[in-house]
Amino acid sequence: SFDLNFNYSGFDLGIFLQGVGKRDYMPNGPYFWGANGGMWQSAGFVENMNFYRDENSTMVQNGVLGVNKDSYLPRPYFNTSKNQQTQTKYLQSAAYLRLKNAQFGYTFSPQLLAKIGFTKIRIYASGENLLTFTKMAKVFDPETVGLGGWNDGKTYPFSTTYSFGLNLNF
């Protein structure tokens, strides 16, 4: 993590960055594979639709989806992990860099404040969880993957929060 602080002529900027430079992750849950386990544990995100389908696939014959022989994901099977064995094709880079906090503020000069009866006035804007840079599949948060088997991808994402404030000292 990096905690950077800058001050110049009454202005201040604070930035907190957190990340991991190298981390590999082999996904094993339905949020990556789509059809996985039973039908009640399967997920149907757009990311899961890039699976193998030939002319004989039921979804192709019913006109639901088109042929996809150059897919990223294998043909889905329920109640088996037949096509989901550990292999480098599906190994995800869980490296990331996240801007956890940024705060920008201005502190008024003491000479100006002495005239109006304050010792300090500072205004600021702050943000939490503003940006995340990662190559992971979109359904995963690189900070929470690997916490527990089939729960991967089922965590609520970190909220982005903005706040504004005014500090007054008499």
C-alpha atoms as a PDB file:
ATOM      1  CA  SER A   1       0.000   0.000   0.000  1.00  0.00           C
ATOM      2  CA  PHE A   2       1.028   3.600  -0.566  1.00  0.00           C
ATOM      3  CA  ASP A   3      -0.091   6.605   1.427  1.00  0.00           C
ATOM      4  CA  LEU A   4       0.852   9.795  -0.420  1.00  0.00           C
ATOM      5  CA  ASN A   5       0.318  13.305   0.937  1.00  0.00           C
ATOM      6  CA  PHE A   6       1.043  16.623  -0.749  1.00  0.00           C
ATOM      7  CA  ASN A   7       0.693  20.187   0.581  1.00  0.00           C
ATOM      8  CA  TYR A   8       1.180  23.447  -1.276  1.00  0.00           C
ATOM      9  CA  SER A   9       0.026  26.972  -0.509  1.00  0.00           C
ATOM     10  CA  GLY A  10      -2.992  25.918   1.574  1.00  0.00           C
ATOM     11  CA  PHE A  11      -4.002  23.062  -0.740  1.00  0.00           C
ATOM     12  CA  ASP A  12      -3.593  19.451   0.362  1.00  0.00           C
ATOM     13  CA  LEU A  13      -4.024  16.140  -1.430  1.00  0.00           C
ATOM     14  CA  GLY A  14      -3.976  12.723   0.202  1.00  0.00           C
ATOM     15  CA  ILE A  15      -4.070   9.477  -1.757  1.00  0.00           C
ATOM     16  CA  PHE A  16      -4.166   5.924  -0.388  1.00  0.00           C
ATOM     17  CA  LEU A  17      -3.452   3.135  -2.880  1.00  0.00           C
ATOM     18  CA  GLN A  18      -3.686  -0.571  -2.099  1.00  0.00           C
ATOM     19  CA  GLY A  19      -2.861  -3.544  -4.251  1.00  0.00           C
ATOM     20  CA  VAL A  20      -1.085  -6.780  -4.987  1.00  0.00           C
ATOM     21  CA  GLY A  21       1.581  -6.969  -7.688  1.00  0.00           C
ATOM     22  CA  LYS A  22       1.483 -10.723  -8.407  1.00  0.00           C
ATOM     23  CA  ARG A  23      -1.257 -13.159  -7.482  1.00  0.00           C
ATOM     24  CA  ASP A  24      -2.726 -16.016  -9.500  1.00  0.00           C
ATOM     25  CA  TYR A  25      -6.220 -17.343  -8.951  1.00  0.00           C
ATOM     26  CA  MET A  26      -7.968 -20.413 -10.340  1.00  0.00           C
ATOM     27  CA  PRO A  27     -11.733 -19.722 -10.323  1.00  0.00           C
ATOM     28  CA  ASN A  28     -13.948 -22.587  -9.243  1.00  0.00           C
ATOM     29  CA  GLY A  29     -17.432 -21.178  -8.769  1.00  0.00           C
ATOM     30  CA  PRO A  30     -20.514 -20.619 -10.905  1.00  0.00           C
ATOM     31  CA  TYR A  31     -19.879 -16.907 -11.348  1.00  0.00           C
ATOM     32  CA  PHE A  32     -16.907 -17.739 -13.574  1.00  0.00           C
ATOM     33  CA  TRP A  33     -18.051 -20.992 -15.192  1.00  0.00           C
ATOM     34  CA  GLY A  34     -21.778 -20.263 -15.549  1.00  0.00           C
ATOM     35  CA  ALA A  35     -23.237 -23.777 -15.479  1.00  0.00           C
ATOM     36  CA  ASN A  36     -21.579 -25.399 -12.528  1.00  0.00           C
ATOM     37  CA  GLY A  37     -22.884 -27.852  -9.971  1.00  0.00           C
ATOM     38  CA  GLY A  38     -26.662 -28.091 -10.219  1.00  0.00           C
ATOM     39  CA  MET A  39     -28.996 -25.744 -12.013  1.00  0.00           C
ATOM     40  CA  TRP A  40     -29.669 -23.886  -8.736  1.00  0.00           C
ATOM     41  CA  GLN A  41     -25.985 -22.998  -8.386  1.00  0.00           C
ATOM     42  CA  SER A  42     -25.555 -21.790 -11.963  1.00  0.00           C
ATOM     43  CA  ALA A  43     -25.129 -18.203 -13.097  1.00  0.00           C
ATOM     44  CA  GLY A  44     -26.231 -16.621 -16.351  1.00  0.00           C
ATOM     45  CA  PHE A  45     -24.148 -13.486 -16.806  1.00  0.00           C
ATOM     46  CA  VAL A  46     -23.123 -12.107 -20.190  1.00  0.00           C
ATOM     47  CA  GLU A  47     -19.560 -13.181 -19.360  1.00  0.00           C
ATOM     48  CA  ASN A  48     -20.780 -16.807 -19.114  1.00  0.00           C
ATOM     49  CA  MET A  49     -22.281 -16.876 -22.623  1.00  0.00           C
ATOM     50  CA  ASN A  50     -18.920 -17.326 -24.376  1.00  0.00           C
ATOM     51  CA  PHE A  51     -19.061 -21.137 -24.134  1.00  0.00           C
ATOM     52  CA  TYR A  52     -18.630 -23.811 -26.816  1.00  0.00           C
ATOM     53  CA  ARG A  53     -21.691 -24.477 -29.015  1.00  0.00           C
ATOM     54  CA  ASP A  54     -21.778 -26.441 -32.248  1.00  0.00           C
ATOM     55  CA  GLU A  55     -24.639 -26.946 -34.718  1.00  0.00           C
ATOM     56  CA  ASN A  56     -26.052 -29.803 -32.609  1.00  0.00           C
ATOM     57  CA  SER A  57     -26.331 -27.775 -29.386  1.00  0.00           C
ATOM     58  CA  THR A  58     -29.888 -27.444 -28.101  1.00  0.00           C
ATOM     59  CA  MET A  59     -29.571 -23.663 -27.729  1.00  0.00           C
ATOM     60  CA  VAL A  60     -28.418 -23.326 -31.353  1.00  0.00           C
ATOM     61  CA  GLN A  61     -31.178 -25.591 -32.690  1.00  0.00           C
ATOM     62  CA  ASN A  62     -33.804 -23.654 -30.709  1.00  0.00           C
ATOM     63  CA  GLY A  63     -32.475 -20.332 -32.025  1.00  0.00           C
ATOM     64  CA  VAL A  64     -31.542 -19.027 -28.582  1.00  0.00           C
ATOM     65  CA  LEU A  65     -27.800 -18.653 -29.273  1.00  0.00           C
ATOM     66  CA  GLY A  66     -25.573 -19.001 -32.319  1.00  0.00           C
ATOM     67  CA  VAL A  67     -22.726 -21.400 -33.047  1.00  0.00           C
ATOM     68  CA  ASN A  68     -19.568 -20.583 -31.063  1.00  0.00           C
ATOM     69  CA  LYS A  69     -16.671 -22.943 -31.809  1.00  0.00           C
ATOM     70  CA  ASP A  70     -13.978 -20.402 -30.853  1.00  0.00           C
ATOM     71  CA  SER A  71     -15.257 -19.927 -27.315  1.00  0.00           C
ATOM     72  CA  TYR A  72     -13.291 -19.111 -24.192  1.00  0.00           C
ATOM     73  CA  LEU A  73     -15.312 -21.356 -21.864  1.00  0.00           C
ATOM     74  CA  PRO A  74     -15.957 -25.083 -22.446  1.00  0.00           C
ATOM     75  CA  ARG A  75     -19.380 -26.618 -23.074  1.00  0.00           C
ATOM     76  CA  PRO A  76     -21.301 -26.373 -19.776  1.00  0.00           C
ATOM     77  CA  TYR A  77     -22.312 -29.516 -17.909  1.00  0.00           C
ATOM     78  CA  PHE A  78     -24.473 -29.654 -14.791  1.00  0.00           C
ATOM     79  CA  ASN A  79     -23.439 -31.680 -11.735  1.00  0.00           C
ATOM     80  CA  THR A  80     -19.867 -32.252 -12.855  1.00  0.00           C
ATOM     81  CA  SER A  81     -16.605 -30.388 -13.046  1.00  0.00           C
ATOM     82  CA  LYS A  82     -15.624 -32.357 -16.158  1.00  0.00           C
ATOM     83  CA  ASN A  83     -14.397 -29.319 -18.113  1.00  0.00           C
ATOM     84  CA  GLN A  84     -13.280 -27.259 -15.153  1.00  0.00           C
ATOM     85  CA  GLN A  85      -9.991 -28.900 -14.254  1.00  0.00           C
ATOM     86  CA  THR A  86      -7.146 -26.611 -13.256  1.00  0.00           C
ATOM     87  CA  GLN A  87      -5.329 -25.380 -16.354  1.00  0.00           C
ATOM     88  CA  THR A  88      -3.447 -22.253 -17.315  1.00  0.00           C
ATOM     89  CA  LYS A  89      -6.093 -21.203 -19.867  1.00  0.00           C
ATOM     90  CA  TYR A  90      -8.446 -20.210 -17.051  1.00  0.00           C
ATOM     91  CA  LEU A  91      -5.853 -19.029 -14.543  1.00  0.00           C
ATOM     92  CA  GLN A  92      -6.751 -15.444 -13.619  1.00  0.00           C
ATOM     93  CA  SER A  93      -4.332 -12.712 -12.627  1.00  0.00           C
ATOM     94  CA  ALA A  94      -5.631 -11.439  -9.302  1.00  0.00           C
ATOM     95  CA  ALA A  95      -3.110  -8.596  -9.246  1.00  0.00           C
ATOM     96  CA  TYR A  96      -4.749  -5.227  -8.713  1.00  0.00           C
ATOM     97  CA  LEU A  97      -4.269  -1.629  -7.729  1.00  0.00           C
ATOM     98  CA  ARG A  98      -7.145   0.151  -6.000  1.00  0.00           C
ATOM     99  CA  LEU A  99      -7.510   3.833  -5.171  1.00  0.00           C
ATOM    100  CA  LYS A 100      -8.999   3.285  -1.710  1.00  0.00           C
ATOM    101  CA  ASN A 101      -9.137   6.931  -0.666  1.00  0.00           C
ATOM    102  CA  ALA A 102      -8.433  10.355  -2.116  1.00  0.00           C
ATOM    103  CA  GLN A 103      -8.968  13.632  -0.312  1.00  0.00           C
ATOM    104  CA  PHE A 104      -8.474  17.137  -1.658  1.00  0.00           C
ATOM    105  CA  GLY A 105      -8.755  20.155   0.589  1.00  0.00           C
ATOM    106  CA  TYR A 106      -7.958  23.797   1.113  1.00  0.00           C
ATOM    107  CA  THR A 107      -7.038  25.470   4.416  1.00  0.00           C
ATOM    108  CA  PHE A 108      -7.584  29.225   4.582  1.00  0.00           C
ATOM    109  CA  SER A 109      -4.642  31.400   5.630  1.00  0.00           C
ATOM    110  CA  PRO A 110      -4.358  32.252   9.364  1.00  0.00           C
ATOM    111  CA  GLN A 111      -4.053  35.969   8.533  1.00  0.00           C
ATOM    112  CA  LEU A 112      -7.483  35.978   6.895  1.00  0.00           C
ATOM    113  CA  LEU A 113      -9.041  33.905   9.688  1.00  0.00           C
ATOM    114  CA  ALA A 114      -7.760  36.141  12.502  1.00  0.00           C
ATOM    115  CA  LYS A 115      -9.969  38.927  11.154  1.00  0.00           C
ATOM    116  CA  ILE A 116     -13.158  36.835  11.452  1.00  0.00           C
ATOM    117  CA  GLY A 117     -12.487  34.997  14.743  1.00  0.00           C
ATOM    118  CA  PHE A 118     -11.505  31.508  13.550  1.00  0.00           C
ATOM    119  CA  THR A 119      -8.202  29.715  14.109  1.00  0.00           C
ATOM    120  CA  LYS A 120      -8.679  27.278  11.216  1.00  0.00           C
ATOM    121  CA  ILE A 121     -11.123  26.700   8.355  1.00  0.00           C
ATOM    122  CA  ARG A 122     -10.630  23.811   5.956  1.00  0.00           C
ATOM    123  CA  ILE A 123     -12.944  22.619   3.167  1.00  0.00           C
ATOM    124  CA  TYR A 124     -12.457  19.251   1.518  1.00  0.00           C
ATOM    125  CA  ALA A 125     -13.835  16.606  -0.815  1.00  0.00           C
ATOM    126  CA  SER A 126     -13.137  12.933  -0.289  1.00  0.00           C
ATOM    127  CA  GLY A 127     -13.792   9.679  -2.119  1.00  0.00           C
ATOM    128  CA  GLU A 128     -13.553   6.011  -1.124  1.00  0.00           C
ATOM    129  CA  ASN A 129     -13.002   3.043  -3.482  1.00  0.00           C
ATOM    130  CA  LEU A 130     -12.781   5.265  -6.539  1.00  0.00           C
ATOM    131  CA  LEU A 131     -10.875   3.095  -9.034  1.00  0.00           C
ATOM    132  CA  THR A 132      -9.692  -0.489  -9.407  1.00  0.00           C
ATOM    133  CA  PHE A 133      -7.206  -1.612 -12.032  1.00  0.00           C
ATOM    134  CA  THR A 134      -7.216  -5.381 -12.618  1.00  0.00           C
ATOM    135  CA  LYS A 135      -7.342  -7.953 -15.402  1.00  0.00           C
ATOM    136  CA  MET A 136      -9.736 -10.243 -13.518  1.00  0.00           C
ATOM    137  CA  ALA A 137     -13.140 -11.211 -14.875  1.00  0.00           C
ATOM    138  CA  LYS A 138     -15.630  -8.413 -14.095  1.00  0.00           C
ATOM    139  CA  VAL A 139     -17.756 -10.491 -11.717  1.00  0.00           C
ATOM    140  CA  PHE A 140     -14.871 -10.845  -9.244  1.00  0.00           C
ATOM    141  CA  ASP A 141     -13.387  -8.406  -6.781  1.00  0.00           C
ATOM    142  CA  PRO A 142      -9.644  -9.114  -6.622  1.00  0.00           C
ATOM    143  CA  GLU A 143      -9.591  -8.191  -2.935  1.00  0.00           C
ATOM    144  CA  THR A 144     -12.112 -10.886  -1.954  1.00  0.00           C
ATOM    145  CA  VAL A 145     -11.497 -13.837  -4.316  1.00  0.00           C
ATOM    146  CA  GLY A 146     -10.332 -17.040  -2.737  1.00  0.00           C
ATOM    147  CA  LEU A 147     -12.224 -16.483   0.508  1.00  0.00           C
ATOM    148  CA  GLY A 148     -14.264 -19.617   0.149  1.00  0.00           C
ATOM    149  CA  GLY A 149     -14.943 -22.052  -2.668  1.00  0.00           C
ATOM    150  CA  TRP A 150     -18.315 -21.591  -4.306  1.00  0.00           C
ATOM    151  CA  ASN A 151     -18.783 -18.118  -2.857  1.00  0.00           C
ATOM    152  CA  ASP A 152     -16.323 -16.569  -5.305  1.00  0.00           C
ATOM    153  CA  GLY A 153     -18.093 -13.730  -7.084  1.00  0.00           C
ATOM    154  CA  LYS A 154     -20.981 -13.665  -4.613  1.00  0.00           C
ATOM    155  CA  THR A 155     -19.592 -10.850  -2.492  1.00  0.00           C
ATOM    156  CA  TYR A 156     -21.211  -7.437  -2.588  1.00  0.00           C
ATOM    157  CA  PRO A 157     -18.830  -4.959  -4.248  1.00  0.00           C
ATOM    158  CA  PHE A 158     -17.192  -2.182  -2.276  1.00  0.00           C
ATOM    159  CA  SER A 159     -19.315   0.948  -2.432  1.00  0.00           C
ATOM    160  CA  THR A 160     -17.898   4.074  -3.998  1.00  0.00           C
ATOM    161  CA  THR A 161     -18.497   6.912  -1.560  1.00  0.00           C
ATOM    162  CA  TYR A 162     -18.119  10.661  -2.006  1.00  0.00           C
ATOM    163  CA  SER A 163     -18.157  13.134   0.853  1.00  0.00           C
ATOM    164  CA  PHE A 164     -17.619  16.839   1.341  1.00  0.00           C
ATOM    165  CA  GLY A 165     -16.788  18.628   4.536  1.00  0.00           C
ATOM    166  CA  LEU A 166     -15.986  21.797   6.368  1.00  0.00           C
ATOM    167  CA  ASN A 167     -13.747  21.926   9.470  1.00  0.00           C
ATOM    168  CA  LEU A 168     -14.154  25.010  11.671  1.00  0.00           C
ATOM    169  CA  ASN A 169     -11.892  25.773  14.656  1.00  0.00           C
ATOM    170  CA  PHE A 170     -12.669  28.760  16.896  1.00  0.00           C
END
